[in-house]
Amino acid sequence: MVNSAYYSLPKQITSINHAVVYLGFNTIKNLALSIAAIGMLPASNAAGFDGQQYLLHSLATAGIAKQLALRVDDADPMDCFIAGLLHDFGKVVFAQFMPKEFRKALEHSQWHESSLHEA
């Protein structure tokens, strides 16, 4: 990550210690949390939950939240990125641990054109 075009460093960083020092603890923490959250996405589930669509939505929300944070004093862009990434994480939990009930709620919200939290 530290050697990505985003940081545009003049010299490549080859040490994990240097990368952690450059990026900072919060960035490393948020990166680890993001990877762990994405790793929890089930490949398939009994709820019929579209994990790929969820991931696309979450990443888009995270990117927008980070960009908005750059315009606000005292807002940490990486914290906002994580908040955007995890804002719908409850759906993953429901899909894994309450698949039948969650499938019914998904179907109800689609058929009745209502929001999922109401369903």
PDB file of N, CA and C in Angstrom:
ATOM      1  N   MET A   1       0.829  -1.195   0.000  1.00  0.00           N
ATOM      2  CA  MET A   1       0.000   0.000   0.000  1.00  0.00           C
ATOM      3  C   MET A   1       0.872   1.257   0.000  1.00  0.00           C
ATOM      4  N   VAL A   2       1.886   1.270   0.813  1.00  0.00           N
ATOM      5  CA  VAL A   2       2.719   2.465   0.925  1.00  0.00           C
ATOM      6  C   VAL A   2       3.457   2.765  -0.383  1.00  0.00           C
ATOM      7  N   ASN A   3       3.686   1.750  -1.199  1.00  0.00           N
ATOM      8  CA  ASN A   3       4.375   1.955  -2.473  1.00  0.00           C
ATOM      9  C   ASN A   3       3.413   2.202  -3.630  1.00  0.00           C
ATOM     10  N   SER A   4       2.145   2.418  -3.339  1.00  0.00           N
ATOM     11  CA  SER A   4       1.160   2.667  -4.390  1.00  0.00           C
ATOM     12  C   SER A   4       1.327   4.086  -4.945  1.00  0.00           C
ATOM     13  N   ALA A   5       0.701   4.316  -6.084  1.00  0.00           N
ATOM     14  CA  ALA A   5       0.754   5.630  -6.720  1.00  0.00           C
ATOM     15  C   ALA A   5       0.089   6.702  -5.855  1.00  0.00           C
ATOM     16  N   TYR A   6      -0.795   6.286  -4.972  1.00  0.00           N
ATOM     17  CA  TYR A   6      -1.492   7.225  -4.103  1.00  0.00           C
ATOM     18  C   TYR A   6      -0.504   8.059  -3.281  1.00  0.00           C
ATOM     19  N   TYR A   7       0.559   7.432  -2.795  1.00  0.00           N
ATOM     20  CA  TYR A   7       1.535   8.127  -1.961  1.00  0.00           C
ATOM     21  C   TYR A   7       2.652   8.757  -2.783  1.00  0.00           C
ATOM     22  N   SER A   8       2.908   8.264  -3.961  1.00  0.00           N
ATOM     23  CA  SER A   8       3.918   8.823  -4.880  1.00  0.00           C
ATOM     24  C   SER A   8       5.249   9.115  -4.198  1.00  0.00           C
ATOM     25  N   LEU A   9       5.761   8.155  -3.487  1.00  0.00           N
ATOM     26  CA  LEU A   9       7.033   8.357  -2.804  1.00  0.00           C
ATOM     27  C   LEU A   9       8.186   8.306  -3.811  1.00  0.00           C
ATOM     28  N   PRO A  10       9.223   9.104  -3.581  1.00  0.00           N
ATOM     29  CA  PRO A  10      10.344   9.107  -4.528  1.00  0.00           C
ATOM     30  C   PRO A  10      11.167   7.817  -4.491  1.00  0.00           C
ATOM     31  N   LYS A  11      11.129   7.116  -3.357  1.00  0.00           N
ATOM     32  CA  LYS A  11      11.905   5.887  -3.195  1.00  0.00           C
ATOM     33  C   LYS A  11      10.987   4.802  -2.638  1.00  0.00           C
ATOM     34  N   GLN A  12      11.118   3.586  -3.157  1.00  0.00           N
ATOM     35  CA  GLN A  12      10.287   2.479  -2.705  1.00  0.00           C
ATOM     36  C   GLN A  12      10.644   2.079  -1.283  1.00  0.00           C
ATOM     37  N   ILE A  13       9.633   1.823  -0.473  1.00  0.00           N
ATOM     38  CA  ILE A  13       9.823   1.353   0.896  1.00  0.00           C
ATOM     39  C   ILE A  13       9.795  -0.168   0.864  1.00  0.00           C
ATOM     40  N   THR A  14      10.847  -0.789   1.417  1.00  0.00           N
ATOM     41  CA  THR A  14      10.967  -2.248   1.359  1.00  0.00           C
ATOM     42  C   THR A  14      10.880  -2.904   2.730  1.00  0.00           C
ATOM     43  N   SER A  15      10.768  -2.126   3.767  1.00  0.00           N
ATOM     44  CA  SER A  15      10.722  -2.659   5.125  1.00  0.00           C
ATOM     45  C   SER A  15       9.332  -2.443   5.721  1.00  0.00           C
ATOM     46  N   ILE A  16       8.823  -3.459   6.390  1.00  0.00           N
ATOM     47  CA  ILE A  16       7.526  -3.322   7.057  1.00  0.00           C
ATOM     48  C   ILE A  16       7.614  -2.250   8.143  1.00  0.00           C
ATOM     49  N   ASN A  17       8.730  -2.217   8.860  1.00  0.00           N
ATOM     50  CA  ASN A  17       8.900  -1.201   9.913  1.00  0.00           C
ATOM     51  C   ASN A  17       8.804   0.211   9.337  1.00  0.00           C
ATOM     52  N   HIS A  18       9.474   0.449   8.218  1.00  0.00           N
ATOM     53  CA  HIS A  18       9.420   1.775   7.597  1.00  0.00           C
ATOM     54  C   HIS A  18       8.007   2.090   7.090  1.00  0.00           C
ATOM     55  N   ALA A  19       7.334   1.078   6.560  1.00  0.00           N
ATOM     56  CA  ALA A  19       5.971   1.285   6.064  1.00  0.00           C
ATOM     57  C   ALA A  19       5.033   1.668   7.207  1.00  0.00           C
ATOM     58  N   VAL A  20       5.165   0.983   8.341  1.00  0.00           N
ATOM     59  CA  VAL A  20       4.316   1.290   9.502  1.00  0.00           C
ATOM     60  C   VAL A  20       4.615   2.693  10.012  1.00  0.00           C
ATOM     61  N   VAL A  21       5.875   3.060  10.059  1.00  0.00           N
ATOM     62  CA  VAL A  21       6.241   4.403  10.515  1.00  0.00           C
ATOM     63  C   VAL A  21       5.673   5.455   9.562  1.00  0.00           C
ATOM     64  N   TYR A  22       5.781   5.198   8.266  1.00  0.00           N
ATOM     65  CA  TYR A  22       5.302   6.175   7.290  1.00  0.00           C
ATOM     66  C   TYR A  22       3.773   6.284   7.302  1.00  0.00           C
ATOM     67  N   LEU A  23       3.088   5.148   7.317  1.00  0.00           N
ATOM     68  CA  LEU A  23       1.627   5.155   7.240  1.00  0.00           C
ATOM     69  C   LEU A  23       0.967   5.532   8.557  1.00  0.00           C
ATOM     70  N   GLY A  24       1.567   5.122   9.655  1.00  0.00           N
ATOM     71  CA  GLY A  24       0.986   5.389  10.960  1.00  0.00           C
ATOM     72  C   GLY A  24       0.140   4.230  11.448  1.00  0.00           C
ATOM     73  N   PHE A  25       0.002   4.147  12.751  1.00  0.00           N
ATOM     74  CA  PHE A  25      -0.712   3.034  13.368  1.00  0.00           C
ATOM     75  C   PHE A  25      -2.184   3.001  12.956  1.00  0.00           C
ATOM     76  N   ASN A  26      -2.842   4.160  12.923  1.00  0.00           N
ATOM     77  CA  ASN A  26      -4.271   4.183  12.586  1.00  0.00           C
ATOM     78  C   ASN A  26      -4.535   3.664  11.177  1.00  0.00           C
ATOM     79  N   THR A  27      -3.692   4.041  10.237  1.00  0.00           N
ATOM     80  CA  THR A  27      -3.868   3.559   8.868  1.00  0.00           C
ATOM     81  C   THR A  27      -3.684   2.059   8.802  1.00  0.00           C
ATOM     82  N   ILE A  28      -2.680   1.529   9.483  1.00  0.00           N
ATOM     83  CA  ILE A  28      -2.447   0.084   9.506  1.00  0.00           C
ATOM     84  C   ILE A  28      -3.623  -0.628  10.170  1.00  0.00           C
ATOM     85  N   LYS A  29      -4.104  -0.069  11.277  1.00  0.00           N
ATOM     86  CA  LYS A  29      -5.264  -0.649  11.976  1.00  0.00           C
ATOM     87  C   LYS A  29      -6.483  -0.681  11.063  1.00  0.00           C
ATOM     88  N   ASN A  30      -6.750   0.419  10.389  1.00  0.00           N
ATOM     89  CA  ASN A  30      -7.908   0.493   9.507  1.00  0.00           C
ATOM     90  C   ASN A  30      -7.767  -0.435   8.302  1.00  0.00           C
ATOM     91  N   LEU A  31      -6.570  -0.568   7.796  1.00  0.00           N
ATOM     92  CA  LEU A  31      -6.326  -1.485   6.680  1.00  0.00           C
ATOM     93  C   LEU A  31      -6.589  -2.925   7.115  1.00  0.00           C
ATOM     94  N   ALA A  32      -6.090  -3.294   8.278  1.00  0.00           N
ATOM     95  CA  ALA A  32      -6.303  -4.649   8.795  1.00  0.00           C
ATOM     96  C   ALA A  32      -7.790  -4.916   9.030  1.00  0.00           C
ATOM     97  N   LEU A  33      -8.488  -3.934   9.568  1.00  0.00           N
ATOM     98  CA  LEU A  33      -9.928  -4.075   9.806  1.00  0.00           C
ATOM     99  C   LEU A  33     -10.680  -4.242   8.487  1.00  0.00           C
ATOM    100  N   SER A  34     -10.301  -3.485   7.489  1.00  0.00           N
ATOM    101  CA  SER A  34     -10.938  -3.583   6.171  1.00  0.00           C
ATOM    102  C   SER A  34     -10.738  -4.962   5.567  1.00  0.00           C
ATOM    103  N   ILE A  35      -9.530  -5.458   5.625  1.00  0.00           N
ATOM    104  CA  ILE A  35      -9.222  -6.775   5.061  1.00  0.00           C
ATOM    105  C   ILE A  35      -9.986  -7.865   5.811  1.00  0.00           C
ATOM    106  N   ALA A  36     -10.056  -7.746   7.132  1.00  0.00           N
ATOM    107  CA  ALA A  36     -10.787  -8.733   7.930  1.00  0.00           C
ATOM    108  C   ALA A  36     -12.275  -8.711   7.599  1.00  0.00           C
ATOM    109  N   ALA A  37     -12.837  -7.519   7.431  1.00  0.00           N
ATOM    110  CA  ALA A  37     -14.269  -7.406   7.125  1.00  0.00           C
ATOM    111  C   ALA A  37     -14.580  -7.991   5.758  1.00  0.00           C
ATOM    112  N   ILE A  38     -13.753  -7.702   4.781  1.00  0.00           N
ATOM    113  CA  ILE A  38     -13.967  -8.233   3.437  1.00  0.00           C
ATOM    114  C   ILE A  38     -13.795  -9.745   3.437  1.00  0.00           C
ATOM    115  N   GLY A  39     -12.877 -10.243   4.236  1.00  0.00           N
ATOM    116  CA  GLY A  39     -12.643 -11.681   4.323  1.00  0.00           C
ATOM    117  C   GLY A  39     -13.810 -12.444   4.927  1.00  0.00           C
ATOM    118  N   MET A  40     -14.700 -11.750   5.629  1.00  0.00           N
ATOM    119  CA  MET A  40     -15.858 -12.414   6.236  1.00  0.00           C
ATOM    120  C   MET A  40     -17.008 -12.593   5.256  1.00  0.00           C
ATOM    121  N   LEU A  41     -16.915 -12.010   4.074  1.00  0.00           N
ATOM    122  CA  LEU A  41     -18.000 -12.132   3.106  1.00  0.00           C
ATOM    123  C   LEU A  41     -18.129 -13.575   2.646  1.00  0.00           C
ATOM    124  N   PRO A  42     -19.304 -14.155   2.781  1.00  0.00           N
ATOM    125  CA  PRO A  42     -19.489 -15.533   2.324  1.00  0.00           C
ATOM    126  C   PRO A  42     -19.546 -15.582   0.801  1.00  0.00           C
ATOM    127  N   ALA A  43     -18.964 -16.629   0.213  1.00  0.00           N
ATOM    128  CA  ALA A  43     -19.001 -16.791  -1.240  1.00  0.00           C
ATOM    129  C   ALA A  43     -20.436 -17.025  -1.706  1.00  0.00           C
ATOM    130  N   SER A  44     -21.167 -17.837  -0.983  1.00  0.00           N
ATOM    131  CA  SER A  44     -22.581 -18.051  -1.257  1.00  0.00           C
ATOM    132  C   SER A  44     -23.283 -18.233   0.082  1.00  0.00           C
ATOM    133  N   ASN A  45     -24.590 -17.980   0.090  1.00  0.00           N
ATOM    134  CA  ASN A  45     -25.299 -18.080   1.356  1.00  0.00           C
ATOM    135  C   ASN A  45     -26.761 -18.436   1.109  1.00  0.00           C
ATOM    136  N   ALA A  46     -27.385 -18.971   2.114  1.00  0.00           N
ATOM    137  CA  ALA A  46     -28.777 -19.404   2.011  1.00  0.00           C
ATOM    138  C   ALA A  46     -29.746 -18.231   1.953  1.00  0.00           C
ATOM    139  N   ALA A  47     -29.270 -17.047   2.299  1.00  0.00           N
ATOM    140  CA  ALA A  47     -30.140 -15.875   2.299  1.00  0.00           C
ATOM    141  C   ALA A  47     -30.320 -15.288   0.905  1.00  0.00           C
ATOM    142  N   GLY A  48     -29.494 -15.689  -0.040  1.00  0.00           N
ATOM    143  CA  GLY A  48     -29.555 -15.097  -1.371  1.00  0.00           C
ATOM    144  C   GLY A  48     -28.973 -13.699  -1.399  1.00  0.00           C
ATOM    145  N   PHE A  49     -28.114 -13.410  -0.457  1.00  0.00           N
ATOM    146  CA  PHE A  49     -27.477 -12.097  -0.323  1.00  0.00           C
ATOM    147  C   PHE A  49     -26.353 -11.980  -1.335  1.00  0.00           C
ATOM    148  N   ASP A  50     -26.346 -10.911  -2.118  1.00  0.00           N
ATOM    149  CA  ASP A  50     -25.335 -10.693  -3.160  1.00  0.00           C
ATOM    150  C   ASP A  50     -24.101 -10.027  -2.547  1.00  0.00           C
ATOM    151  N   GLY A  51     -23.114 -10.838  -2.203  1.00  0.00           N
ATOM    152  CA  GLY A  51     -21.900 -10.334  -1.564  1.00  0.00           C
ATOM    153  C   GLY A  51     -21.092  -9.410  -2.453  1.00  0.00           C
ATOM    154  N   GLN A  52     -21.065  -9.668  -3.752  1.00  0.00           N
ATOM    155  CA  GLN A  52     -20.313  -8.809  -4.680  1.00  0.00           C
ATOM    156  C   GLN A  52     -20.949  -7.419  -4.765  1.00  0.00           C
ATOM    157  N   GLN A  53     -22.261  -7.371  -4.846  1.00  0.00           N
ATOM    158  CA  GLN A  53     -22.956  -6.086  -4.900  1.00  0.00           C
ATOM    159  C   GLN A  53     -22.769  -5.324  -3.581  1.00  0.00           C
ATOM    160  N   TYR A  54     -22.812  -6.062  -2.482  1.00  0.00           N
ATOM    161  CA  TYR A  54     -22.576  -5.458  -1.170  1.00  0.00           C
ATOM    162  C   TYR A  54     -21.179  -4.842  -1.107  1.00  0.00           C
ATOM    163  N   LEU A  55     -20.189  -5.595  -1.575  1.00  0.00           N
ATOM    164  CA  LEU A  55     -18.810  -5.112  -1.537  1.00  0.00           C
ATOM    165  C   LEU A  55     -18.651  -3.866  -2.398  1.00  0.00           C
ATOM    166  N   LEU A  56     -19.217  -3.870  -3.584  1.00  0.00           N
ATOM    167  CA  LEU A  56     -19.143  -2.703  -4.469  1.00  0.00           C
ATOM    168  C   LEU A  56     -19.778  -1.485  -3.806  1.00  0.00           C
ATOM    169  N   HIS A  57     -20.946  -1.669  -3.219  1.00  0.00           N
ATOM    170  CA  HIS A  57     -21.632  -0.575  -2.525  1.00  0.00           C
ATOM    171  C   HIS A  57     -20.810  -0.062  -1.346  1.00  0.00           C
ATOM    172  N   SER A  58     -20.262  -0.984  -0.569  1.00  0.00           N
ATOM    173  CA  SER A  58     -19.486  -0.593   0.614  1.00  0.00           C
ATOM    174  C   SER A  58     -18.218   0.157   0.235  1.00  0.00           C
ATOM    175  N   LEU A  59     -17.526  -0.306  -0.802  1.00  0.00           N
ATOM    176  CA  LEU A  59     -16.306   0.378  -1.243  1.00  0.00           C
ATOM    177  C   LEU A  59     -16.616   1.756  -1.812  1.00  0.00           C
ATOM    178  N   ALA A  60     -17.712   1.878  -2.542  1.00  0.00           N
ATOM    179  CA  ALA A  60     -18.099   3.182  -3.076  1.00  0.00           C
ATOM    180  C   ALA A  60     -18.438   4.143  -1.937  1.00  0.00           C
ATOM    181  N   THR A  61     -19.191   3.661  -0.948  1.00  0.00           N
ATOM    182  CA  THR A  61     -19.546   4.490   0.201  1.00  0.00           C
ATOM    183  C   THR A  61     -18.296   4.897   0.971  1.00  0.00           C
ATOM    184  N   ALA A  62     -17.373   3.961   1.147  1.00  0.00           N
ATOM    185  CA  ALA A  62     -16.125   4.245   1.859  1.00  0.00           C
ATOM    186  C   ALA A  62     -15.313   5.316   1.138  1.00  0.00           C
ATOM    187  N   GLY A  63     -15.213   5.201  -0.172  1.00  0.00           N
ATOM    188  CA  GLY A  63     -14.461   6.191  -0.948  1.00  0.00           C
ATOM    189  C   GLY A  63     -15.072   7.576  -0.860  1.00  0.00           C
ATOM    190  N   ILE A  64     -16.386   7.650  -0.937  1.00  0.00           N
ATOM    191  CA  ILE A  64     -17.072   8.942  -0.828  1.00  0.00           C
ATOM    192  C   ILE A  64     -16.896   9.522   0.567  1.00  0.00           C
ATOM    193  N   ALA A  65     -17.019   8.679   1.593  1.00  0.00           N
ATOM    194  CA  ALA A  65     -16.856   9.148   2.976  1.00  0.00           C
ATOM    195  C   ALA A  65     -15.445   9.706   3.191  1.00  0.00           C
ATOM    196  N   LYS A  66     -14.458   9.024   2.624  1.00  0.00           N
ATOM    197  CA  LYS A  66     -13.074   9.497   2.764  1.00  0.00           C
ATOM    198  C   LYS A  66     -12.888  10.845   2.068  1.00  0.00           C
ATOM    199  N   GLN A  67     -13.442  10.984   0.880  1.00  0.00           N
ATOM    200  CA  GLN A  67     -13.310  12.250   0.146  1.00  0.00           C
ATOM    201  C   GLN A  67     -14.014  13.384   0.880  1.00  0.00           C
ATOM    202  N   LEU A  68     -15.163  13.112   1.449  1.00  0.00           N
ATOM    203  CA  LEU A  68     -15.869  14.141   2.218  1.00  0.00           C
ATOM    204  C   LEU A  68     -15.076  14.545   3.456  1.00  0.00           C
ATOM    205  N   ALA A  69     -14.433  13.575   4.089  1.00  0.00           N
ATOM    206  CA  ALA A  69     -13.658  13.854   5.305  1.00  0.00           C
ATOM    207  C   ALA A  69     -12.478  14.779   5.017  1.00  0.00           C
ATOM    208  N   LEU A  70     -11.957  14.711   3.808  1.00  0.00           N
ATOM    209  CA  LEU A  70     -10.832  15.579   3.447  1.00  0.00           C
ATOM    210  C   LEU A  70     -11.227  17.056   3.459  1.00  0.00           C
ATOM    211  N   ARG A  71     -12.526  17.331   3.393  1.00  0.00           N
ATOM    212  CA  ARG A  71     -13.029  18.709   3.356  1.00  0.00           C
ATOM    213  C   ARG A  71     -13.489  19.208   4.721  1.00  0.00           C
ATOM    214  N   VAL A  72     -13.378  18.357   5.735  1.00  0.00           N
ATOM    215  CA  VAL A  72     -13.875  18.706   7.068  1.00  0.00           C
ATOM    216  C   VAL A  72     -12.697  18.755   8.041  1.00  0.00           C
ATOM    217  N   ASP A  73     -12.611  19.860   8.767  1.00  0.00           N
ATOM    218  CA  ASP A  73     -11.554  19.973   9.778  1.00  0.00           C
ATOM    219  C   ASP A  73     -11.743  18.914  10.850  1.00  0.00           C
ATOM    220  N   ASP A  74     -10.657  18.374  11.326  1.00  0.00           N
ATOM    221  CA  ASP A  74     -10.629  17.393  12.415  1.00  0.00           C
ATOM    222  C   ASP A  74     -11.288  16.057  12.081  1.00  0.00           C
ATOM    223  N   ALA A  75     -11.570  15.795  10.819  1.00  0.00           N
ATOM    224  CA  ALA A  75     -12.114  14.490  10.428  1.00  0.00           C
ATOM    225  C   ALA A  75     -10.962  13.628   9.937  1.00  0.00           C
ATOM    226  N   ASP A  76     -10.900  12.403  10.392  1.00  0.00           N
ATOM    227  CA  ASP A  76      -9.865  11.477   9.951  1.00  0.00           C
ATOM    228  C   ASP A  76     -10.381  10.729   8.720  1.00  0.00           C
ATOM    229  N   PRO A  77      -9.795  10.975   7.554  1.00  0.00           N
ATOM    230  CA  PRO A  77     -10.281  10.323   6.335  1.00  0.00           C
ATOM    231  C   PRO A  77     -10.292   8.801   6.410  1.00  0.00           C
ATOM    232  N   MET A  78      -9.320   8.208   7.069  1.00  0.00           N
ATOM    233  CA  MET A  78      -9.283   6.751   7.163  1.00  0.00           C
ATOM    234  C   MET A  78     -10.367   6.225   8.092  1.00  0.00           C
ATOM    235  N   ASP A  79     -10.663   6.929   9.155  1.00  0.00           N
ATOM    236  CA  ASP A  79     -11.770   6.524  10.025  1.00  0.00           C
ATOM    237  C   ASP A  79     -13.099   6.611   9.266  1.00  0.00           C
ATOM    238  N   CYS A  80     -13.244   7.643   8.467  1.00  0.00           N
ATOM    239  CA  CYS A  80     -14.464   7.790   7.667  1.00  0.00           C
ATOM    240  C   CYS A  80     -14.541   6.710   6.592  1.00  0.00           C
ATOM    241  N   PHE A  81     -13.402   6.337   6.028  1.00  0.00           N
ATOM    242  CA  PHE A  81     -13.361   5.255   5.056  1.00  0.00           C
ATOM    243  C   PHE A  81     -13.869   3.961   5.697  1.00  0.00           C
ATOM    244  N   ILE A  82     -13.366   3.656   6.880  1.00  0.00           N
ATOM    245  CA  ILE A  82     -13.783   2.440   7.594  1.00  0.00           C
ATOM    246  C   ILE A  82     -15.264   2.500   7.937  1.00  0.00           C
ATOM    247  N   ALA A  83     -15.731   3.654   8.375  1.00  0.00           N
ATOM    248  CA  ALA A  83     -17.157   3.791   8.691  1.00  0.00           C
ATOM    249  C   ALA A  83     -18.008   3.522   7.452  1.00  0.00           C
ATOM    250  N   GLY A  84     -17.597   4.051   6.321  1.00  0.00           N
ATOM    251  CA  GLY A  84     -18.324   3.794   5.081  1.00  0.00           C
ATOM    252  C   GLY A  84     -18.260   2.341   4.672  1.00  0.00           C
ATOM    253  N   LEU A  85     -17.106   1.735   4.855  1.00  0.00           N
ATOM    254  CA  LEU A  85     -16.930   0.336   4.491  1.00  0.00           C
ATOM    255  C   LEU A  85     -17.823  -0.572   5.330  1.00  0.00           C
ATOM    256  N   LEU A  86     -17.969  -0.266   6.596  1.00  0.00           N
ATOM    257  CA  LEU A  86     -18.686  -1.138   7.515  1.00  0.00           C
ATOM    258  C   LEU A  86     -20.130  -0.708   7.795  1.00  0.00           C
ATOM    259  N   HIS A  87     -20.608   0.336   7.143  1.00  0.00           N
ATOM    260  CA  HIS A  87     -21.920   0.888   7.496  1.00  0.00           C
ATOM    261  C   HIS A  87     -23.066  -0.106   7.342  1.00  0.00           C
ATOM    262  N   ASP A  88     -22.954  -1.075   6.454  1.00  0.00           N
ATOM    263  CA  ASP A  88     -23.998  -2.082   6.263  1.00  0.00           C
ATOM    264  C   ASP A  88     -23.543  -3.479   6.681  1.00  0.00           C
ATOM    265  N   PHE A  89     -22.547  -3.564   7.527  1.00  0.00           N
ATOM    266  CA  PHE A  89     -21.966  -4.858   7.866  1.00  0.00           C
ATOM    267  C   PHE A  89     -22.957  -5.790   8.555  1.00  0.00           C
ATOM    268  N   GLY A  90     -23.986  -5.239   9.161  1.00  0.00           N
ATOM    269  CA  GLY A  90     -25.017  -6.061   9.784  1.00  0.00           C
ATOM    270  C   GLY A  90     -25.675  -7.004   8.784  1.00  0.00           C
ATOM    271  N   LYS A  91     -25.733  -6.591   7.516  1.00  0.00           N
ATOM    272  CA  LYS A  91     -26.308  -7.460   6.482  1.00  0.00           C
ATOM    273  C   LYS A  91     -25.496  -8.751   6.337  1.00  0.00           C
ATOM    274  N   VAL A  92     -24.188  -8.647   6.431  1.00  0.00           N
ATOM    275  CA  VAL A  92     -23.331  -9.834   6.345  1.00  0.00           C
ATOM    276  C   VAL A  92     -23.603 -10.753   7.528  1.00  0.00           C
ATOM    277  N   VAL A  93     -23.743 -10.179   8.694  1.00  0.00           N
ATOM    278  CA  VAL A  93     -24.023 -10.957   9.906  1.00  0.00           C
ATOM    279  C   VAL A  93     -25.364 -11.675   9.775  1.00  0.00           C
ATOM    280  N   PHE A  94     -26.399 -10.944   9.333  1.00  0.00           N
ATOM    281  CA  PHE A  94     -27.713 -11.571   9.146  1.00  0.00           C
ATOM    282  C   PHE A  94     -27.654 -12.676   8.095  1.00  0.00           C
ATOM    283  N   ALA A  95     -26.959 -12.441   6.988  1.00  0.00           N
ATOM    284  CA  ALA A  95     -26.872 -13.442   5.914  1.00  0.00           C
ATOM    285  C   ALA A  95     -26.210 -14.720   6.408  1.00  0.00           C
ATOM    286  N   GLN A  96     -25.254 -14.606   7.314  1.00  0.00           N
ATOM    287  CA  GLN A  96     -24.544 -15.779   7.809  1.00  0.00           C
ATOM    288  C   GLN A  96     -25.274 -16.477   8.950  1.00  0.00           C
ATOM    289  N   PHE A  97     -25.868 -15.719   9.856  1.00  0.00           N
ATOM    290  CA  PHE A  97     -26.394 -16.315  11.082  1.00  0.00           C
ATOM    291  C   PHE A  97     -27.917 -16.396  11.157  1.00  0.00           C
ATOM    292  N   MET A  98     -28.610 -15.691  10.274  1.00  0.00           N
ATOM    293  CA  MET A  98     -30.068 -15.750  10.216  1.00  0.00           C
ATOM    294  C   MET A  98     -30.504 -15.786   8.750  1.00  0.00           C
ATOM    295  N   PRO A  99     -30.007 -16.733   7.974  1.00  0.00           N
ATOM    296  CA  PRO A  99     -30.234 -16.698   6.523  1.00  0.00           C
ATOM    297  C   PRO A  99     -31.706 -16.785   6.110  1.00  0.00           C
ATOM    298  N   LYS A 100     -32.504 -17.620   6.774  1.00  0.00           N
ATOM    299  CA  LYS A 100     -33.915 -17.760   6.383  1.00  0.00           C
ATOM    300  C   LYS A 100     -34.690 -16.471   6.649  1.00  0.00           C
ATOM    301  N   GLU A 101     -34.478 -15.918   7.830  1.00  0.00           N
ATOM    302  CA  GLU A 101     -35.171 -14.685   8.188  1.00  0.00           C
ATOM    303  C   GLU A 101     -34.726 -13.525   7.303  1.00  0.00           C
ATOM    304  N   PHE A 102     -33.416 -13.493   7.013  1.00  0.00           N
ATOM    305  CA  PHE A 102     -32.901 -12.403   6.193  1.00  0.00           C
ATOM    306  C   PHE A 102     -33.409 -12.521   4.759  1.00  0.00           C
ATOM    307  N   ARG A 103     -33.496 -13.746   4.251  1.00  0.00           N
ATOM    308  CA  ARG A 103     -34.036 -13.946   2.897  1.00  0.00           C
ATOM    309  C   ARG A 103     -35.480 -13.425   2.833  1.00  0.00           C
ATOM    310  N   LYS A 104     -36.267 -13.733   3.854  1.00  0.00           N
ATOM    311  CA  LYS A 104     -37.654 -13.253   3.893  1.00  0.00           C
ATOM    312  C   LYS A 104     -37.701 -11.725   3.909  1.00  0.00           C
ATOM    313  N   ALA A 105     -36.820 -11.125   4.688  1.00  0.00           N
ATOM    314  CA  ALA A 105     -36.786  -9.660   4.754  1.00  0.00           C
ATOM    315  C   ALA A 105     -36.360  -9.059   3.409  1.00  0.00           C
ATOM    316  N   LEU A 106     -35.368  -9.661   2.762  1.00  0.00           N
ATOM    317  CA  LEU A 106     -34.937  -9.185   1.441  1.00  0.00           C
ATOM    318  C   LEU A 106     -36.080  -9.273   0.439  1.00  0.00           C
ATOM    319  N   GLU A 107     -36.757 -10.423   0.418  1.00  0.00           N
ATOM    320  CA  GLU A 107     -37.868 -10.620  -0.509  1.00  0.00           C
ATOM    321  C   GLU A 107     -39.008  -9.647  -0.214  1.00  0.00           C
ATOM    322  N   HIS A 108     -39.322  -9.470   1.059  1.00  0.00           N
ATOM    323  CA  HIS A 108     -40.396  -8.550   1.437  1.00  0.00           C
ATOM    324  C   HIS A 108     -40.070  -7.130   0.984  1.00  0.00           C
ATOM    325  N   SER A 109     -38.851  -6.690   1.199  1.00  0.00           N
ATOM    326  CA  SER A 109     -38.494  -5.316   0.819  1.00  0.00           C
ATOM    327  C   SER A 109     -38.529  -5.133  -0.700  1.00  0.00           C
ATOM    328  N   GLN A 110     -38.200  -6.178  -1.449  1.00  0.00           N
ATOM    329  CA  GLN A 110     -38.251  -6.084  -2.907  1.00  0.00           C
ATOM    330  C   GLN A 110     -39.692  -6.100  -3.415  1.00  0.00           C
ATOM    331  N   TRP A 111     -40.499  -7.015  -2.910  1.00  0.00           N
ATOM    332  CA  TRP A 111     -41.879  -7.144  -3.371  1.00  0.00           C
ATOM    333  C   TRP A 111     -42.725  -5.928  -3.014  1.00  0.00           C
ATOM    334  N   HIS A 112     -42.501  -5.404  -1.827  1.00  0.00           N
ATOM    335  CA  HIS A 112     -43.322  -4.285  -1.354  1.00  0.00           C
ATOM    336  C   HIS A 112     -42.646  -2.933  -1.555  1.00  0.00           C
ATOM    337  N   GLU A 113     -41.510  -2.954  -2.215  1.00  0.00           N
ATOM    338  CA  GLU A 113     -40.741  -1.726  -2.473  1.00  0.00           C
ATOM    339  C   GLU A 113     -40.595  -0.888  -1.204  1.00  0.00           C
ATOM    340  N   SER A 114     -40.197  -1.574  -0.137  1.00  0.00           N
ATOM    341  CA  SER A 114     -39.973  -0.894   1.131  1.00  0.00           C
ATOM    342  C   SER A 114     -38.502  -1.031   1.502  1.00  0.00           C
ATOM    343  N   SER A 115     -38.102  -0.276   2.487  1.00  0.00           N
ATOM    344  CA  SER A 115     -36.708  -0.364   2.908  1.00  0.00           C
ATOM    345  C   SER A 115     -36.466  -1.651   3.683  1.00  0.00           C
ATOM    346  N   LEU A 116     -35.238  -2.126   3.628  1.00  0.00           N
ATOM    347  CA  LEU A 116     -34.902  -3.386   4.282  1.00  0.00           C
ATOM    348  C   LEU A 116     -35.073  -3.314   5.789  1.00  0.00           C
ATOM    349  N   HIS A 117     -34.759  -2.201   6.391  1.00  0.00           N
ATOM    350  CA  HIS A 117     -34.896  -2.133   7.850  1.00  0.00           C
ATOM    351  C   HIS A 117     -36.361  -2.204   8.275  1.00  0.00           C
ATOM    352  N   GLU A 118     -37.277  -1.741   7.450  1.00  0.00           N
ATOM    353  CA  GLU A 118     -38.696  -1.897   7.766  1.00  0.00           C
ATOM    354  C   GLU A 118     -39.135  -3.337   7.607  1.00  0.00           C
ATOM    355  N   ALA A 119     -38.627  -4.003   6.580  1.00  0.00           N
ATOM    356  CA  ALA A 119     -38.975  -5.402   6.348  1.00  0.00           C
ATOM    357  C   ALA A 119     -38.472  -6.266   7.481  1.00  0.00           C
TER     358      ALA A 119
END
